[in-house]
Amino acid sequence: MQPISSAVPSPTVRKVALVSLRGDREFRKVRSHGQVIRTRFFQLRVTDYRPRYGEVWRPRAIIGIVVPKKTLKRAVDRNRARRRVHEALRTLPGLPPCRAILSPAALVLDAPFAELQAALGKALGSFDPKAKAGNRSGPGQAGAGKTGGTRAGTRPVKGAQ
């Protein structure tokens, strides 16, 4: 009979404390300034780590996992997807210091765990904190003032030429 060993994690897998992104304000900041990385398993919106006002500088990964009802209808599936992604992030060695929002796709439920973990590692590794997010102006905002023409179905304003 083999002696029962204590539950000690293997030395190759380093456990990383994973902090959750909390509060509407933090989510809005990441959504507005984040760099988008898309894979077939998830969409990741990442910004660099900056401490909040008055907070001590402790670089760490602060990640919010959001699974909308539109992606997965059943709460059981949403929770399972969230748990799988959280565990893949937790066991991933060497998370970069960042703030991120991760939205898993339905494929996360059926994907092999190693493949999901590899995709997360590759996506977080490709994040460049120096790169700026793209131009966020919506349709009709960029150049619509002085140089924009008339749109279909609208009349020109009197005296404007």
C-alpha atoms as a PDB file:
ATOM      1  CA  MET A   1       0.000   0.000   0.000  1.00  0.00           C
ATOM      2  CA  GLN A   2       1.303   3.438  -0.965  1.00  0.00           C
ATOM      3  CA  PRO A   3       1.536   6.094   1.757  1.00  0.00           C
ATOM      4  CA  ILE A   4      -0.880   8.959   1.321  1.00  0.00           C
ATOM      5  CA  SER A   5       1.061  12.059   0.372  1.00  0.00           C
ATOM      6  CA  SER A   6      -0.023  15.500   1.428  1.00  0.00           C
ATOM      7  CA  ALA A   7      -1.709  17.651  -1.176  1.00  0.00           C
ATOM      8  CA  VAL A   8       1.356  19.670  -2.217  1.00  0.00           C
ATOM      9  CA  PRO A   9       1.227  21.339  -5.629  1.00  0.00           C
ATOM     10  CA  SER A  10       3.867  20.298  -8.118  1.00  0.00           C
ATOM     11  CA  PRO A  11       6.837  22.691  -8.392  1.00  0.00           C
ATOM     12  CA  THR A  12       6.204  23.332 -12.110  1.00  0.00           C
ATOM     13  CA  VAL A  13       2.796  24.943 -11.524  1.00  0.00           C
ATOM     14  CA  ARG A  14       3.052  28.180  -9.602  1.00  0.00           C
ATOM     15  CA  LYS A  15      -0.129  29.418  -7.991  1.00  0.00           C
ATOM     16  CA  VAL A  16      -0.830  33.084  -8.594  1.00  0.00           C
ATOM     17  CA  ALA A  17      -3.190  35.068  -6.438  1.00  0.00           C
ATOM     18  CA  LEU A  18      -5.837  36.345  -8.811  1.00  0.00           C
ATOM     19  CA  VAL A  19      -7.677  39.522  -7.858  1.00  0.00           C
ATOM     20  CA  SER A  20     -11.147  40.288  -9.221  1.00  0.00           C
ATOM     21  CA  LEU A  21     -11.953  43.522 -10.991  1.00  0.00           C
ATOM     22  CA  ARG A  22     -14.634  45.225  -8.928  1.00  0.00           C
ATOM     23  CA  GLY A  23     -16.907  48.201  -9.346  1.00  0.00           C
ATOM     24  CA  ASP A  24     -18.534  49.843 -12.314  1.00  0.00           C
ATOM     25  CA  ARG A  25     -15.875  52.557 -12.453  1.00  0.00           C
ATOM     26  CA  GLU A  26     -13.013  50.081 -12.941  1.00  0.00           C
ATOM     27  CA  PHE A  27     -14.940  48.168 -15.600  1.00  0.00           C
ATOM     28  CA  ARG A  28     -15.681  51.419 -17.467  1.00  0.00           C
ATOM     29  CA  LYS A  29     -12.000  52.417 -17.392  1.00  0.00           C
ATOM     30  CA  VAL A  30     -10.893  49.089 -18.836  1.00  0.00           C
ATOM     31  CA  ARG A  31     -13.637  49.172 -21.484  1.00  0.00           C
ATOM     32  CA  SER A  32     -12.754  52.692 -22.613  1.00  0.00           C
ATOM     33  CA  HIS A  33      -8.944  52.424 -22.543  1.00  0.00           C
ATOM     34  CA  GLY A  34      -8.374  48.706 -23.040  1.00  0.00           C
ATOM     35  CA  GLN A  35      -6.630  46.918 -25.849  1.00  0.00           C
ATOM     36  CA  VAL A  36      -8.841  44.167 -27.346  1.00  0.00           C
ATOM     37  CA  ILE A  37      -7.449  40.680 -27.949  1.00  0.00           C
ATOM     38  CA  ARG A  38      -9.842  38.169 -29.542  1.00  0.00           C
ATOM     39  CA  THR A  39      -9.451  34.409 -29.803  1.00  0.00           C
ATOM     40  CA  ARG A  40     -11.957  31.697 -30.581  1.00  0.00           C
ATOM     41  CA  PHE A  41     -12.352  30.993 -26.852  1.00  0.00           C
ATOM     42  CA  PHE A  42     -12.753  34.505 -25.463  1.00  0.00           C
ATOM     43  CA  GLN A  43     -12.477  38.253 -25.878  1.00  0.00           C
ATOM     44  CA  LEU A  44      -9.950  39.943 -23.606  1.00  0.00           C
ATOM     45  CA  ARG A  45      -9.819  43.690 -23.005  1.00  0.00           C
ATOM     46  CA  VAL A  46      -6.581  44.643 -21.223  1.00  0.00           C
ATOM     47  CA  THR A  47      -4.974  47.800 -19.824  1.00  0.00           C
ATOM     48  CA  ASP A  48      -1.750  48.168 -17.894  1.00  0.00           C
ATOM     49  CA  TYR A  49      -1.703  48.045 -14.104  1.00  0.00           C
ATOM     50  CA  ARG A  50      -2.046  51.358 -12.302  1.00  0.00           C
ATOM     51  CA  PRO A  51      -2.878  51.566  -8.613  1.00  0.00           C
ATOM     52  CA  ARG A  52      -5.961  53.479  -7.563  1.00  0.00           C
ATOM     53  CA  TYR A  53      -5.512  56.803  -5.784  1.00  0.00           C
ATOM     54  CA  GLY A  54      -3.930  56.235  -2.373  1.00  0.00           C
ATOM     55  CA  GLU A  55      -3.260  52.545  -3.070  1.00  0.00           C
ATOM     56  CA  VAL A  56       0.174  50.992  -2.532  1.00  0.00           C
ATOM     57  CA  TRP A  57       2.049  49.988  -5.699  1.00  0.00           C
ATOM     58  CA  ARG A  58       1.594  46.193  -5.856  1.00  0.00           C
ATOM     59  CA  PRO A  59       1.667  45.058  -9.496  1.00  0.00           C
ATOM     60  CA  ARG A  60      -0.751  42.169  -9.952  1.00  0.00           C
ATOM     61  CA  ALA A  61      -3.290  40.817 -12.402  1.00  0.00           C
ATOM     62  CA  ILE A  62      -6.768  42.192 -11.727  1.00  0.00           C
ATOM     63  CA  ILE A  63      -9.195  40.380 -14.028  1.00  0.00           C
ATOM     64  CA  GLY A  64     -12.994  40.486 -14.221  1.00  0.00           C
ATOM     65  CA  ILE A  65     -14.736  37.530 -15.875  1.00  0.00           C
ATOM     66  CA  VAL A  66     -18.023  38.450 -17.546  1.00  0.00           C
ATOM     67  CA  VAL A  67     -20.296  35.816 -19.116  1.00  0.00           C
ATOM     68  CA  PRO A  68     -23.431  37.396 -20.626  1.00  0.00           C
ATOM     69  CA  LYS A  69     -26.751  35.576 -20.983  1.00  0.00           C
ATOM     70  CA  LYS A  70     -26.569  36.171 -24.708  1.00  0.00           C
ATOM     71  CA  THR A  71     -23.496  33.922 -24.896  1.00  0.00           C
ATOM     72  CA  LEU A  72     -24.690  31.145 -22.572  1.00  0.00           C
ATOM     73  CA  LYS A  73     -28.377  30.975 -21.694  1.00  0.00           C
ATOM     74  CA  ARG A  74     -28.275  28.659 -18.677  1.00  0.00           C
ATOM     75  CA  ALA A  75     -26.822  29.839 -15.360  1.00  0.00           C
ATOM     76  CA  VAL A  76     -25.186  26.438 -14.880  1.00  0.00           C
ATOM     77  CA  ASP A  77     -23.215  26.909 -18.113  1.00  0.00           C
ATOM     78  CA  ARG A  78     -22.281  30.505 -17.278  1.00  0.00           C
ATOM     79  CA  ASN A  79     -20.971  29.475 -13.867  1.00  0.00           C
ATOM     80  CA  ARG A  80     -19.071  26.515 -15.296  1.00  0.00           C
ATOM     81  CA  ALA A  81     -17.440  28.715 -17.951  1.00  0.00           C
ATOM     82  CA  ARG A  82     -16.491  31.252 -15.290  1.00  0.00           C
ATOM     83  CA  ARG A  83     -15.000  28.556 -13.052  1.00  0.00           C
ATOM     84  CA  ARG A  84     -12.988  26.982 -15.906  1.00  0.00           C
ATOM     85  CA  VAL A  85     -11.532  30.319 -17.002  1.00  0.00           C
ATOM     86  CA  HIS A  86     -10.767  31.336 -13.411  1.00  0.00           C
ATOM     87  CA  GLU A  87      -8.925  28.075 -12.744  1.00  0.00           C
ATOM     88  CA  ALA A  88      -6.980  28.360 -16.002  1.00  0.00           C
ATOM     89  CA  LEU A  89      -5.899  31.883 -15.029  1.00  0.00           C
ATOM     90  CA  ARG A  90      -5.088  30.881 -11.459  1.00  0.00           C
ATOM     91  CA  THR A  91      -2.783  28.042 -12.514  1.00  0.00           C
ATOM     92  CA  LEU A  92      -1.159  30.026 -15.314  1.00  0.00           C
ATOM     93  CA  PRO A  93       2.458  30.835 -14.392  1.00  0.00           C
ATOM     94  CA  GLY A  94       3.631  34.414 -14.730  1.00  0.00           C
ATOM     95  CA  LEU A  95       0.555  36.581 -15.196  1.00  0.00           C
ATOM     96  CA  PRO A  96       1.529  40.116 -16.270  1.00  0.00           C
ATOM     97  CA  PRO A  97       0.469  43.037 -14.064  1.00  0.00           C
ATOM     98  CA  CYS A  98      -2.688  44.374 -15.708  1.00  0.00           C
ATOM     99  CA  ARG A  99      -6.386  45.138 -15.381  1.00  0.00           C
ATOM    100  CA  ALA A 100      -8.565  43.117 -17.728  1.00  0.00           C
ATOM    101  CA  ILE A 101     -12.087  42.058 -18.622  1.00  0.00           C
ATOM    102  CA  LEU A 102     -12.425  38.543 -20.001  1.00  0.00           C
ATOM    103  CA  SER A 103     -15.599  37.466 -21.842  1.00  0.00           C
ATOM    104  CA  PRO A 104     -15.548  33.724 -22.593  1.00  0.00           C
ATOM    105  CA  ALA A 105     -17.313  32.241 -25.613  1.00  0.00           C
ATOM    106  CA  ALA A 106     -19.455  29.102 -25.560  1.00  0.00           C
ATOM    107  CA  LEU A 107     -16.466  27.049 -26.818  1.00  0.00           C
ATOM    108  CA  VAL A 108     -14.863  27.366 -23.372  1.00  0.00           C
ATOM    109  CA  LEU A 109     -17.180  24.643 -22.027  1.00  0.00           C
ATOM    110  CA  ASP A 110     -15.971  21.966 -24.461  1.00  0.00           C
ATOM    111  CA  ALA A 111     -12.337  23.033 -24.955  1.00  0.00           C
ATOM    112  CA  PRO A 112      -9.542  20.921 -23.486  1.00  0.00           C
ATOM    113  CA  PHE A 113      -8.200  22.626 -20.366  1.00  0.00           C
ATOM    114  CA  ALA A 114      -4.595  22.696 -21.622  1.00  0.00           C
ATOM    115  CA  GLU A 115      -5.686  24.357 -24.876  1.00  0.00           C
ATOM    116  CA  LEU A 116      -7.718  26.962 -22.993  1.00  0.00           C
ATOM    117  CA  GLN A 117      -4.780  27.679 -20.685  1.00  0.00           C
ATOM    118  CA  ALA A 118      -2.408  27.995 -23.650  1.00  0.00           C
ATOM    119  CA  ALA A 119      -4.748  30.457 -25.379  1.00  0.00           C
ATOM    120  CA  LEU A 120      -4.989  32.575 -22.210  1.00  0.00           C
ATOM    121  CA  GLY A 121      -1.219  32.573 -21.788  1.00  0.00           C
ATOM    122  CA  LYS A 122      -0.648  33.546 -25.408  1.00  0.00           C
ATOM    123  CA  ALA A 123      -3.245  36.337 -25.268  1.00  0.00           C
ATOM    124  CA  LEU A 124      -1.876  37.803 -22.032  1.00  0.00           C
ATOM    125  CA  GLY A 125       1.681  37.435 -23.363  1.00  0.00           C
ATOM    126  CA  SER A 126       0.818  39.374 -26.520  1.00  0.00           C
ATOM    127  CA  PHE A 127      -0.480  42.338 -24.520  1.00  0.00           C
ATOM    128  CA  ASP A 128       1.714  45.408 -24.997  1.00  0.00           C
ATOM    129  CA  PRO A 129       1.204  47.961 -22.193  1.00  0.00           C
ATOM    130  CA  LYS A 130       2.900  50.680 -24.271  1.00  0.00           C
ATOM    131  CA  ALA A 131       0.404  50.349 -27.146  1.00  0.00           C
ATOM    132  CA  LYS A 132      -2.570  52.675 -27.081  1.00  0.00           C
ATOM    133  CA  ALA A 133      -6.123  51.608 -27.739  1.00  0.00           C
ATOM    134  CA  GLY A 134      -7.439  52.476 -31.198  1.00  0.00           C
ATOM    135  CA  ASN A 135      -9.496  55.528 -32.146  1.00  0.00           C
ATOM    136  CA  ARG A 136     -12.730  55.178 -30.201  1.00  0.00           C
ATOM    137  CA  SER A 137     -14.818  57.752 -32.076  1.00  0.00           C
ATOM    138  CA  GLY A 138     -18.102  56.373 -33.285  1.00  0.00           C
ATOM    139  CA  PRO A 139     -19.766  56.783 -36.671  1.00  0.00           C
ATOM    140  CA  GLY A 140     -20.476  60.382 -37.580  1.00  0.00           C
ATOM    141  CA  GLN A 141     -18.130  61.764 -34.915  1.00  0.00           C
ATOM    142  CA  ALA A 142     -14.832  61.845 -36.760  1.00  0.00           C
ATOM    143  CA  GLY A 143     -14.812  64.794 -39.130  1.00  0.00           C
ATOM    144  CA  ALA A 144     -18.568  65.263 -39.090  1.00  0.00           C
ATOM    145  CA  GLY A 145     -18.302  68.915 -38.098  1.00  0.00           C
ATOM    146  CA  LYS A 146     -16.960  71.197 -40.837  1.00  0.00           C
ATOM    147  CA  THR A 147     -15.956  68.842 -43.618  1.00  0.00           C
ATOM    148  CA  GLY A 148     -18.772  66.280 -43.472  1.00  0.00           C
ATOM    149  CA  GLY A 149     -21.365  66.278 -46.230  1.00  0.00           C
ATOM    150  CA  THR A 150     -25.079  65.812 -45.878  1.00  0.00           C
ATOM    151  CA  ARG A 151     -26.410  62.396 -44.988  1.00  0.00           C
ATOM    152  CA  ALA A 152     -29.258  60.772 -46.865  1.00  0.00           C
ATOM    153  CA  GLY A 153     -32.636  61.944 -45.701  1.00  0.00           C
ATOM    154  CA  THR A 154     -31.442  65.210 -44.133  1.00  0.00           C
ATOM    155  CA  ARG A 155     -31.678  68.759 -45.367  1.00  0.00           C
ATOM    156  CA  PRO A 156     -28.734  71.169 -45.325  1.00  0.00           C
ATOM    157  CA  VAL A 157     -28.952  73.956 -42.764  1.00  0.00           C
ATOM    158  CA  LYS A 158     -29.644  77.454 -44.173  1.00  0.00           C
ATOM    159  CA  GLY A 159     -26.553  79.618 -44.381  1.00  0.00           C
ATOM    160  CA  ALA A 160     -24.117  76.719 -43.918  1.00  0.00           C
ATOM    161  CA  GLN A 161     -21.698  76.339 -46.832  1.00  0.00           C
END
